[in-house]
Amino acid sequence: MNDLAPFRGPERNGPVRTDRPRSALRRAAPALLVYAAIRALGLVVLAAWSAAHGKSWHTLLTARWDSLWYTRVAEQGYGYSVQLADGDVHSNLAFFPLLPWLERGLSAVTSLSAADAGLAVSWLASLAAAWALYLTGERLHGPRAGVALAALWAALPVGIVQSMAYSESLFTALAAWGVYCVLTGRWVTAGVLASLAGLTRPVGAAVVAAVWIAAAVTLWRDRAAGDGPGGGPDDAQGGGPGVRPRLRRHRRMLLGVLLAPLGWCGFFLWVGVREGGLTAYLDVQGGWGNGFDGGAAFASFLWDLGFPAGLGLLAGVALVVWLYVLGARRGQPLPLLVYGGAVLLLALTAKGYFGSKPRLMMPAYPLLLPLAAGLARWRPAAAWTLTALVSAGSAVYGAFWLNGSGPP
């Protein structure tokens, strides 16, 4: 049990398990099977819907929207851009490099194209994410909650994106495992995973924040315990409040803290050096119409939609905020609160194409924990019936969405 144990929510009865990979994978097998079944249903419905409309499901998953940009980076590297009629410039420097690196590497050692390699990475990463989600739910609320959390994430309305050659599945896998490592005190691994998440998507900063804030709270609480009545073992070693002994005791945590921002900061600074300006990456995003304005553009968009569409979207935003508050009130662990809150905040306060916001919020899996805990308390027949209905709805919506406007 790690130093953040008091921040954790209710845990299953019995002793805490030692998560050896084989044992953890065996326990997660039911969740992985459920996750795979839900996503397979989505693919079957997509294939049938696409065939009925004369489209290729494979093209929709690998060669549309962002997946084209990732493939181009994998095949040609950075430096490609398109100037639009209004003068805006869309540069592939907006896309973080880990997924294209994996696409290039996998296509080099197999017969897969870069696009198909991206699809394979996404499918494998989505299973890895489901595994981490299961372990998180199991740790906090028991095995049934772990299965429910993986199932609910698979059955999100935009869950089809998890099966596309996009970076969301890869990012969620790295983020979920990174936060889980913080929960279990594996600080160095958490730092490495946070750094890799920072090479995957801009929202990798949320994983860095979870590592840093959890570490800061750990040090603060350790100092408070040592400086309390009667002092602590560090105080007897001299040096005032015993800072250096405390830092030595937490040296692995501090190493994780140092590792966590390297990926995100490294890419940000590399773009700056390449383009000749420290804020060059922000300028690149600005060319795509992206940036942060505190949610002003999103509020204006909701207002312009009017009634009832604007009110419906506002209700959806209120729902996700309520789920976050509910998790906090029920004692959700601090790393999960920081990570989920940061993903939600960045998604809601960013300007850009507003149809992307559900996709941008998809990695915020901690929002689903209260629902998973509640579903785990239902009778199995009722829980499975609801899961099946939600999964079917997700499959139909995903097929309709990709054959229509699709994710930008």
Protein backbone atom coordinates (compact mmCIF):
# COMPACT_ATOMS: atom_id res chain seq x y z
CA MET A 1 0.00 0.00 0.00
CA ASN A 2 1.46 3.37 -0.91
CA ASP A 3 1.57 6.78 0.76
CA LEU A 4 -1.68 7.88 -0.88
CA ALA A 5 -3.78 5.16 0.72
CA PRO A 6 -5.90 7.64 2.78
CA PHE A 7 -7.01 9.29 -0.47
CA ARG A 8 -8.37 6.06 -1.87
CA GLY A 9 -11.98 5.13 -2.02
CA PRO A 10 -13.57 1.98 -0.63
CA GLU A 11 -11.48 -1.08 -1.32
CA ARG A 12 -12.56 -4.66 -1.65
CA ASN A 13 -12.48 -6.85 1.42
CA GLY A 14 -9.38 -8.81 2.21
CA PRO A 15 -5.69 -8.05 1.86
CA VAL A 16 -4.28 -5.98 -0.99
CA ARG A 17 -3.07 -8.17 -3.82
CA THR A 18 0.49 -8.15 -5.08
CA ASP A 19 -0.01 -7.39 -8.77
CA ARG A 20 2.29 -9.77 -10.55
CA PRO A 21 1.63 -9.50 -14.29
CA ARG A 22 0.45 -13.07 -14.81
CA SER A 23 -1.90 -12.97 -11.83
CA ALA A 24 -3.20 -9.52 -12.79
CA LEU A 25 -3.83 -10.64 -16.37
CA ARG A 26 -5.64 -13.78 -15.22
CA ARG A 27 -7.93 -11.75 -12.97
CA ALA A 28 -8.56 -9.25 -15.78
CA ALA A 29 -9.42 -11.94 -18.36
CA PRO A 30 -13.23 -11.60 -17.95
CA ALA A 31 -12.99 -7.83 -18.36
CA LEU A 32 -10.83 -8.17 -21.46
CA LEU A 33 -13.27 -10.65 -22.99
CA VAL A 34 -16.20 -8.32 -22.30
CA TYR A 35 -14.28 -5.36 -23.68
CA ALA A 36 -13.29 -7.26 -26.84
CA ALA A 37 -16.88 -8.46 -27.37
CA ILE A 38 -18.28 -4.92 -27.13
CA ARG A 39 -15.71 -3.52 -29.53
CA ALA A 40 -16.20 -6.48 -31.91
CA LEU A 41 -19.93 -5.72 -31.95
CA GLY A 42 -19.12 -2.15 -32.89
CA LEU A 43 -16.92 -3.31 -35.77
CA VAL A 44 -19.52 -5.77 -37.08
CA VAL A 45 -22.23 -3.11 -37.09
CA LEU A 46 -19.81 -0.64 -38.73
CA ALA A 47 -18.96 -3.15 -41.46
CA ALA A 48 -22.63 -3.86 -42.19
CA TRP A 49 -23.62 -0.18 -42.15
CA SER A 50 -20.67 0.78 -44.38
CA ALA A 51 -21.46 -1.96 -46.89
CA ALA A 52 -25.06 -0.78 -47.07
CA HIS A 53 -23.83 2.74 -47.91
CA GLY A 54 -21.13 1.68 -50.36
CA LYS A 55 -18.23 2.56 -48.09
CA SER A 56 -15.26 0.62 -46.74
CA TRP A 57 -15.17 0.10 -42.99
CA HIS A 58 -11.41 -0.41 -43.26
CA THR A 59 -10.94 2.98 -44.92
CA LEU A 60 -13.07 4.66 -42.28
CA LEU A 61 -10.86 3.22 -39.55
CA THR A 62 -7.44 3.75 -41.12
CA ALA A 63 -7.53 6.40 -43.84
CA ARG A 64 -9.79 9.25 -42.75
CA TRP A 65 -9.30 12.40 -40.67
CA ASP A 66 -6.40 12.31 -38.17
CA SER A 67 -5.34 8.79 -39.13
CA LEU A 68 -4.18 10.14 -42.50
CA TRP A 69 -1.98 12.69 -40.78
CA TYR A 70 -0.45 10.10 -38.47
CA THR A 71 0.28 7.82 -41.42
CA ARG A 72 1.91 10.66 -43.34
CA VAL A 73 4.18 11.42 -40.37
CA ALA A 74 5.09 7.74 -40.13
CA GLU A 75 5.92 7.50 -43.84
CA GLN A 76 7.41 10.93 -44.56
CA GLY A 77 8.32 12.50 -41.23
CA TYR A 78 7.47 16.00 -40.10
CA GLY A 79 7.34 19.05 -42.34
CA TYR A 80 4.12 18.54 -44.33
CA SER A 81 1.51 21.30 -44.21
CA VAL A 82 -1.57 22.46 -46.11
CA GLN A 83 -2.60 26.08 -46.54
CA LEU A 84 -6.34 26.63 -46.61
CA ALA A 85 -8.22 29.19 -48.66
CA ASP A 86 -8.66 31.42 -45.60
CA GLY A 87 -4.91 31.50 -45.01
CA ASP A 88 -4.81 29.05 -42.10
CA VAL A 89 -2.02 26.50 -42.21
CA HIS A 90 -2.53 22.89 -41.10
CA SER A 91 0.87 21.46 -40.18
CA ASN A 92 1.59 17.86 -39.20
CA LEU A 93 3.69 19.24 -36.33
CA ALA A 94 0.39 19.37 -34.44
CA PHE A 95 0.50 15.56 -34.10
CA PHE A 96 2.62 14.07 -31.33
CA PRO A 97 5.13 11.44 -32.47
CA LEU A 98 4.70 8.23 -30.48
CA LEU A 99 1.92 6.68 -32.60
CA PRO A 100 3.69 7.47 -35.90
CA TRP A 101 6.93 6.04 -34.48
CA LEU A 102 5.13 2.82 -33.59
CA GLU A 103 3.44 2.72 -36.99
CA ARG A 104 6.79 3.10 -38.72
CA GLY A 105 8.49 0.52 -36.52
CA LEU A 106 5.75 -2.08 -36.83
CA SER A 107 5.44 -1.66 -40.59
CA ALA A 108 9.22 -2.05 -40.90
CA VAL A 109 9.26 -5.48 -39.24
CA THR A 110 5.98 -6.80 -40.69
CA SER A 111 4.12 -6.74 -43.98
CA LEU A 112 1.62 -4.20 -42.61
CA SER A 113 1.26 -0.77 -44.12
CA ALA A 114 1.75 2.18 -41.82
CA ALA A 115 -2.03 2.68 -41.70
CA ASP A 116 -2.70 -0.95 -40.78
CA ALA A 117 0.13 -0.83 -38.26
CA GLY A 118 -1.63 2.12 -36.64
CA LEU A 119 -4.83 0.10 -36.48
CA ALA A 120 -2.99 -2.82 -34.86
CA VAL A 121 -1.36 -0.51 -32.31
CA SER A 122 -4.73 1.00 -31.47
CA TRP A 123 -6.44 -2.38 -31.02
CA LEU A 124 -3.64 -3.75 -28.82
CA ALA A 125 -3.42 -0.53 -26.85
CA SER A 126 -7.18 -0.52 -26.24
CA LEU A 127 -6.89 -3.97 -24.65
CA ALA A 128 -4.00 -2.73 -22.52
CA ALA A 129 -6.15 0.22 -21.46
CA ALA A 130 -9.03 -2.10 -20.56
CA TRP A 131 -6.62 -4.16 -18.45
CA ALA A 132 -5.51 -1.09 -16.51
CA LEU A 133 -9.12 0.04 -16.08
CA TYR A 134 -10.05 -3.35 -14.69
CA LEU A 135 -7.23 -3.26 -12.14
CA THR A 136 -8.20 0.27 -11.11
CA GLY A 137 -11.85 -0.64 -10.60
CA GLU A 138 -10.91 -3.86 -8.83
CA ARG A 139 -8.57 -2.05 -6.46
CA LEU A 140 -11.18 0.49 -5.45
CA HIS A 141 -14.50 -1.36 -5.61
CA GLY A 142 -13.88 -5.04 -6.34
CA PRO A 143 -13.68 -7.31 -9.42
CA ARG A 144 -17.21 -6.68 -10.68
CA ALA A 145 -16.55 -2.94 -10.71
CA GLY A 146 -13.37 -3.56 -12.67
CA VAL A 147 -15.28 -5.47 -15.34
CA ALA A 148 -17.98 -2.81 -15.39
CA LEU A 149 -15.43 0.00 -15.80
CA ALA A 150 -13.82 -1.69 -18.82
CA ALA A 151 -17.25 -2.40 -20.33
CA LEU A 152 -18.54 1.13 -19.83
CA TRP A 153 -15.42 2.61 -21.43
CA ALA A 154 -15.83 0.26 -24.42
CA ALA A 155 -19.50 1.23 -24.78
CA LEU A 156 -19.07 5.00 -24.77
CA PRO A 157 -21.04 6.67 -27.57
CA VAL A 158 -17.75 7.51 -29.31
CA GLY A 159 -16.18 4.17 -28.37
CA ILE A 160 -15.59 3.38 -32.05
CA VAL A 161 -12.60 5.75 -31.88
CA GLN A 162 -10.90 3.15 -29.67
CA SER A 163 -10.86 0.88 -32.75
CA MET A 164 -9.50 3.51 -35.17
CA ALA A 165 -5.89 4.32 -36.11
CA TYR A 166 -6.08 7.27 -33.73
CA SER A 167 -3.95 7.99 -30.66
CA GLU A 168 -6.73 7.91 -28.04
CA SER A 169 -6.37 4.20 -27.23
CA LEU A 170 -2.59 4.39 -26.98
CA PHE A 171 -2.79 7.48 -24.80
CA THR A 172 -5.46 6.02 -22.51
CA ALA A 173 -3.41 2.84 -22.04
CA LEU A 174 -0.30 4.79 -21.06
CA ALA A 175 -2.27 7.20 -18.86
CA ALA A 176 -4.31 4.51 -17.09
CA TRP A 177 -1.26 2.39 -16.35
CA GLY A 178 0.69 5.46 -15.27
CA VAL A 179 -1.98 6.56 -12.82
CA TYR A 180 -2.37 2.99 -11.57
CA CYS A 181 1.37 2.88 -10.90
CA VAL A 182 1.04 6.05 -8.83
CA LEU A 183 -1.77 4.43 -6.85
CA THR A 184 0.41 1.39 -6.15
CA GLY A 185 3.63 3.29 -5.41
CA ARG A 186 5.54 2.34 -8.59
CA TRP A 187 6.87 5.84 -9.08
CA VAL A 188 9.64 5.26 -11.61
CA THR A 189 7.33 3.26 -13.87
CA ALA A 190 4.69 5.96 -13.46
CA GLY A 191 7.20 8.59 -14.54
CA VAL A 192 8.23 6.61 -17.63
CA LEU A 193 4.60 6.03 -18.63
CA ALA A 194 3.75 9.71 -18.06
CA SER A 195 6.66 10.66 -20.30
CA LEU A 196 5.41 8.31 -23.03
CA ALA A 197 1.87 9.66 -22.65
CA GLY A 198 3.38 13.12 -23.13
CA LEU A 199 4.76 11.94 -26.47
CA THR A 200 1.32 10.75 -27.54
CA ARG A 201 -1.13 13.62 -27.09
CA PRO A 202 -1.04 17.21 -25.78
CA VAL A 203 -3.26 16.11 -22.88
CA GLY A 204 -0.29 14.07 -21.65
CA ALA A 205 0.22 17.04 -19.34
CA ALA A 206 -2.69 15.62 -17.29
CA VAL A 207 -0.68 12.49 -16.46
CA VAL A 208 2.32 14.62 -15.51
CA ALA A 209 0.06 16.64 -13.22
CA ALA A 210 -1.22 13.47 -11.54
CA VAL A 211 2.34 12.30 -10.83
CA TRP A 212 3.56 15.67 -9.62
CA ILE A 213 0.61 16.54 -7.38
CA ALA A 214 0.47 13.06 -5.87
CA ALA A 215 4.20 13.25 -5.14
CA ALA A 216 3.88 16.72 -3.61
CA VAL A 217 1.06 15.60 -1.35
CA THR A 218 3.05 12.53 -0.33
CA LEU A 219 6.02 14.69 0.69
CA TRP A 220 3.80 17.19 2.49
CA ARG A 221 2.00 14.50 4.47
CA ASP A 222 5.28 12.81 5.27
CA ARG A 223 6.64 16.06 6.65
CA ALA A 224 3.45 16.71 8.61
CA ALA A 225 3.72 13.25 10.18
CA GLY A 226 7.38 13.81 11.05
CA ASP A 227 6.79 17.27 12.51
CA GLY A 228 3.82 16.22 14.62
CA PRO A 229 3.80 15.60 18.38
CA GLY A 230 6.81 13.58 19.31
CA GLY A 231 8.51 14.22 15.95
CA GLY A 232 9.50 11.42 13.63
CA PRO A 233 12.46 9.21 12.87
CA ASP A 234 13.93 11.76 10.44
CA ASP A 235 14.14 14.49 13.07
CA ALA A 236 16.62 12.55 15.11
CA GLN A 237 19.11 12.69 12.23
CA GLY A 238 19.53 16.45 12.40
CA GLY A 239 19.29 18.91 9.55
CA GLY A 240 16.19 20.74 10.80
CA PRO A 241 12.96 18.96 9.79
CA GLY A 242 14.83 16.04 8.25
CA VAL A 243 14.43 17.08 4.60
CA ARG A 244 17.37 15.18 3.24
CA PRO A 245 16.54 11.88 4.93
CA ARG A 246 13.01 12.24 3.67
CA LEU A 247 14.20 12.89 0.13
CA ARG A 248 16.48 9.85 0.31
CA ARG A 249 13.55 7.72 1.39
CA HIS A 250 11.52 8.99 -1.57
CA ARG A 251 14.31 8.96 -4.15
CA ARG A 252 12.40 6.65 -6.51
CA MET A 253 9.39 8.92 -6.30
CA LEU A 254 11.55 11.94 -7.10
CA LEU A 255 13.07 10.11 -10.07
CA GLY A 256 9.55 9.45 -11.34
CA VAL A 257 8.73 13.13 -10.91
CA LEU A 258 11.77 14.09 -12.99
CA LEU A 259 10.99 11.56 -15.73
CA ALA A 260 7.28 12.41 -16.06
CA PRO A 261 7.47 15.66 -18.09
CA LEU A 262 10.33 14.67 -20.41
CA GLY A 263 8.16 13.45 -23.29
CA TRP A 264 5.72 16.36 -23.37
CA CYS A 265 8.35 19.04 -22.79
CA GLY A 266 10.76 17.38 -25.19
CA PHE A 267 8.36 17.49 -28.13
CA PHE A 268 7.18 21.00 -27.28
CA LEU A 269 10.78 22.26 -27.18
CA TRP A 270 11.76 20.33 -30.32
CA VAL A 271 9.00 22.03 -32.29
CA GLY A 272 10.16 25.34 -30.86
CA VAL A 273 13.74 24.77 -31.99
CA ARG A 274 12.62 23.56 -35.41
CA GLU A 275 10.28 26.50 -36.01
CA GLY A 276 12.44 29.13 -34.30
CA GLY A 277 10.21 30.12 -31.40
CA LEU A 278 9.54 28.87 -27.89
CA THR A 279 5.77 28.98 -28.40
CA ALA A 280 5.90 27.51 -31.90
CA TYR A 281 3.76 24.50 -30.98
CA LEU A 282 0.99 26.81 -29.78
CA ASP A 283 1.24 28.67 -33.09
CA VAL A 284 0.94 25.36 -34.96
CA GLN A 285 -2.20 24.51 -33.01
CA GLY A 286 -3.50 28.00 -33.68
CA GLY A 287 -3.24 27.29 -37.40
CA TRP A 288 -5.69 24.44 -36.85
CA GLY A 289 -8.02 26.78 -34.94
CA ASN A 290 -7.12 25.17 -31.63
CA GLY A 291 -6.14 26.86 -28.39
CA PHE A 292 -7.45 27.66 -24.93
CA ASP A 293 -9.85 30.46 -24.16
CA GLY A 294 -11.36 29.30 -20.87
CA GLY A 295 -14.40 27.82 -22.63
CA ALA A 296 -15.60 31.12 -24.15
CA ALA A 297 -15.81 29.75 -27.69
CA PHE A 298 -17.61 26.62 -26.49
CA ALA A 299 -20.13 28.72 -24.54
CA SER A 300 -20.73 30.85 -27.64
CA PHE A 301 -21.21 27.68 -29.70
CA LEU A 302 -23.82 26.37 -27.25
CA TRP A 303 -25.61 29.71 -27.28
CA ASP A 304 -25.70 29.83 -31.08
CA LEU A 305 -27.15 26.30 -31.22
CA GLY A 306 -30.19 27.54 -29.38
CA PHE A 307 -32.97 25.31 -28.05
CA PRO A 308 -33.15 22.33 -27.81
CA ALA A 309 -29.73 21.28 -29.20
CA GLY A 310 -27.74 23.75 -27.11
CA LEU A 311 -29.65 22.82 -23.97
CA GLY A 312 -29.05 19.13 -24.66
CA LEU A 313 -25.30 19.64 -25.01
CA LEU A 314 -25.27 21.76 -21.88
CA ALA A 315 -27.01 18.94 -20.03
CA GLY A 316 -24.31 16.57 -21.28
CA VAL A 317 -21.58 18.86 -19.94
CA ALA A 318 -23.42 19.09 -16.63
CA LEU A 319 -23.56 15.29 -16.48
CA VAL A 320 -19.80 14.81 -16.87
CA VAL A 321 -19.08 17.56 -14.33
CA TRP A 322 -21.53 15.91 -11.93
CA LEU A 323 -19.76 12.56 -12.39
CA TYR A 324 -16.46 14.22 -11.51
CA VAL A 325 -17.91 15.85 -8.40
CA LEU A 326 -19.57 12.57 -7.42
CA GLY A 327 -16.24 10.76 -7.67
CA ALA A 328 -14.59 13.39 -5.48
CA ARG A 329 -17.36 13.19 -2.86
CA ARG A 330 -17.03 9.41 -2.73
CA GLY A 331 -13.32 9.56 -1.95
CA GLN A 332 -11.83 8.85 -5.36
CA PRO A 333 -8.02 8.68 -5.05
CA LEU A 334 -6.16 11.92 -5.60
CA PRO A 335 -4.20 10.82 -8.71
CA LEU A 336 -7.44 9.83 -10.44
CA LEU A 337 -9.10 13.10 -9.49
CA VAL A 338 -6.17 15.16 -10.76
CA TYR A 339 -5.87 13.23 -14.01
CA GLY A 340 -9.60 13.06 -14.76
CA GLY A 341 -10.13 16.69 -13.80
CA ALA A 342 -7.26 17.87 -16.00
CA VAL A 343 -8.50 15.93 -19.04
CA LEU A 344 -12.01 17.29 -18.51
CA LEU A 345 -10.79 20.86 -17.99
CA LEU A 346 -8.57 20.82 -21.09
CA ALA A 347 -11.38 19.38 -23.23
CA LEU A 348 -14.01 21.85 -22.10
CA THR A 349 -11.85 24.98 -22.18
CA ALA A 350 -10.26 24.36 -25.58
CA LYS A 351 -11.53 26.06 -28.68
CA GLY A 352 -11.59 24.35 -32.05
CA TYR A 353 -14.00 21.93 -33.68
CA PHE A 354 -16.59 21.29 -31.00
CA GLY A 355 -17.66 17.95 -32.42
CA SER A 356 -14.31 16.65 -31.18
CA LYS A 357 -15.06 17.26 -27.49
CA PRO A 358 -16.62 13.83 -26.77
CA ARG A 359 -13.53 12.23 -28.31
CA LEU A 360 -11.22 14.49 -26.31
CA MET A 361 -12.99 13.50 -23.09
CA MET A 362 -12.84 9.77 -23.83
CA PRO A 363 -9.53 9.24 -21.94
CA ALA A 364 -11.16 10.63 -18.77
CA TYR A 365 -12.08 7.14 -17.57
CA PRO A 366 -12.17 8.12 -13.85
CA LEU A 367 -15.52 9.80 -14.60
CA LEU A 368 -16.97 6.33 -15.15
CA LEU A 369 -15.88 4.95 -11.76
CA PRO A 370 -19.07 5.99 -9.86
CA LEU A 371 -21.19 4.38 -12.59
CA ALA A 372 -19.07 1.22 -12.55
CA ALA A 373 -19.30 0.96 -8.77
CA GLY A 374 -23.07 1.36 -8.93
CA LEU A 375 -23.44 -1.16 -11.74
CA ALA A 376 -21.37 -3.68 -9.77
CA ARG A 377 -24.00 -3.62 -7.03
CA TRP A 378 -26.81 -4.56 -9.40
CA ARG A 379 -28.00 -8.12 -9.79
CA PRO A 380 -26.00 -9.78 -12.58
CA ALA A 381 -28.97 -10.24 -14.92
CA ALA A 382 -29.92 -6.57 -14.71
CA ALA A 383 -26.31 -5.41 -15.06
CA TRP A 384 -25.66 -7.54 -18.12
CA THR A 385 -28.94 -6.49 -19.74
CA LEU A 386 -28.13 -2.81 -19.33
CA THR A 387 -24.57 -3.35 -20.58
CA ALA A 388 -25.87 -5.14 -23.67
CA LEU A 389 -28.36 -2.36 -24.45
CA VAL A 390 -25.76 0.38 -24.00
CA SER A 391 -23.26 -1.57 -26.12
CA ALA A 392 -25.78 -2.00 -28.93
CA GLY A 393 -26.58 1.70 -28.84
CA SER A 394 -22.88 2.55 -28.96
CA ALA A 395 -22.34 0.23 -31.94
CA VAL A 396 -25.20 1.75 -33.92
CA TYR A 397 -24.19 5.32 -33.11
CA GLY A 398 -20.55 4.63 -33.98
CA ALA A 399 -21.49 3.20 -37.37
CA PHE A 400 -23.83 6.13 -38.08
CA TRP A 401 -21.20 8.65 -36.96
CA LEU A 402 -18.29 7.28 -39.03
CA ASN A 403 -20.47 6.99 -42.12
CA GLY A 404 -21.62 10.57 -41.59
CA SER A 405 -19.61 13.49 -40.28
CA GLY A 406 -17.20 11.30 -38.33
CA PRO A 407 -14.55 12.39 -35.84
CA PRO A 408 -12.44 15.32 -37.05
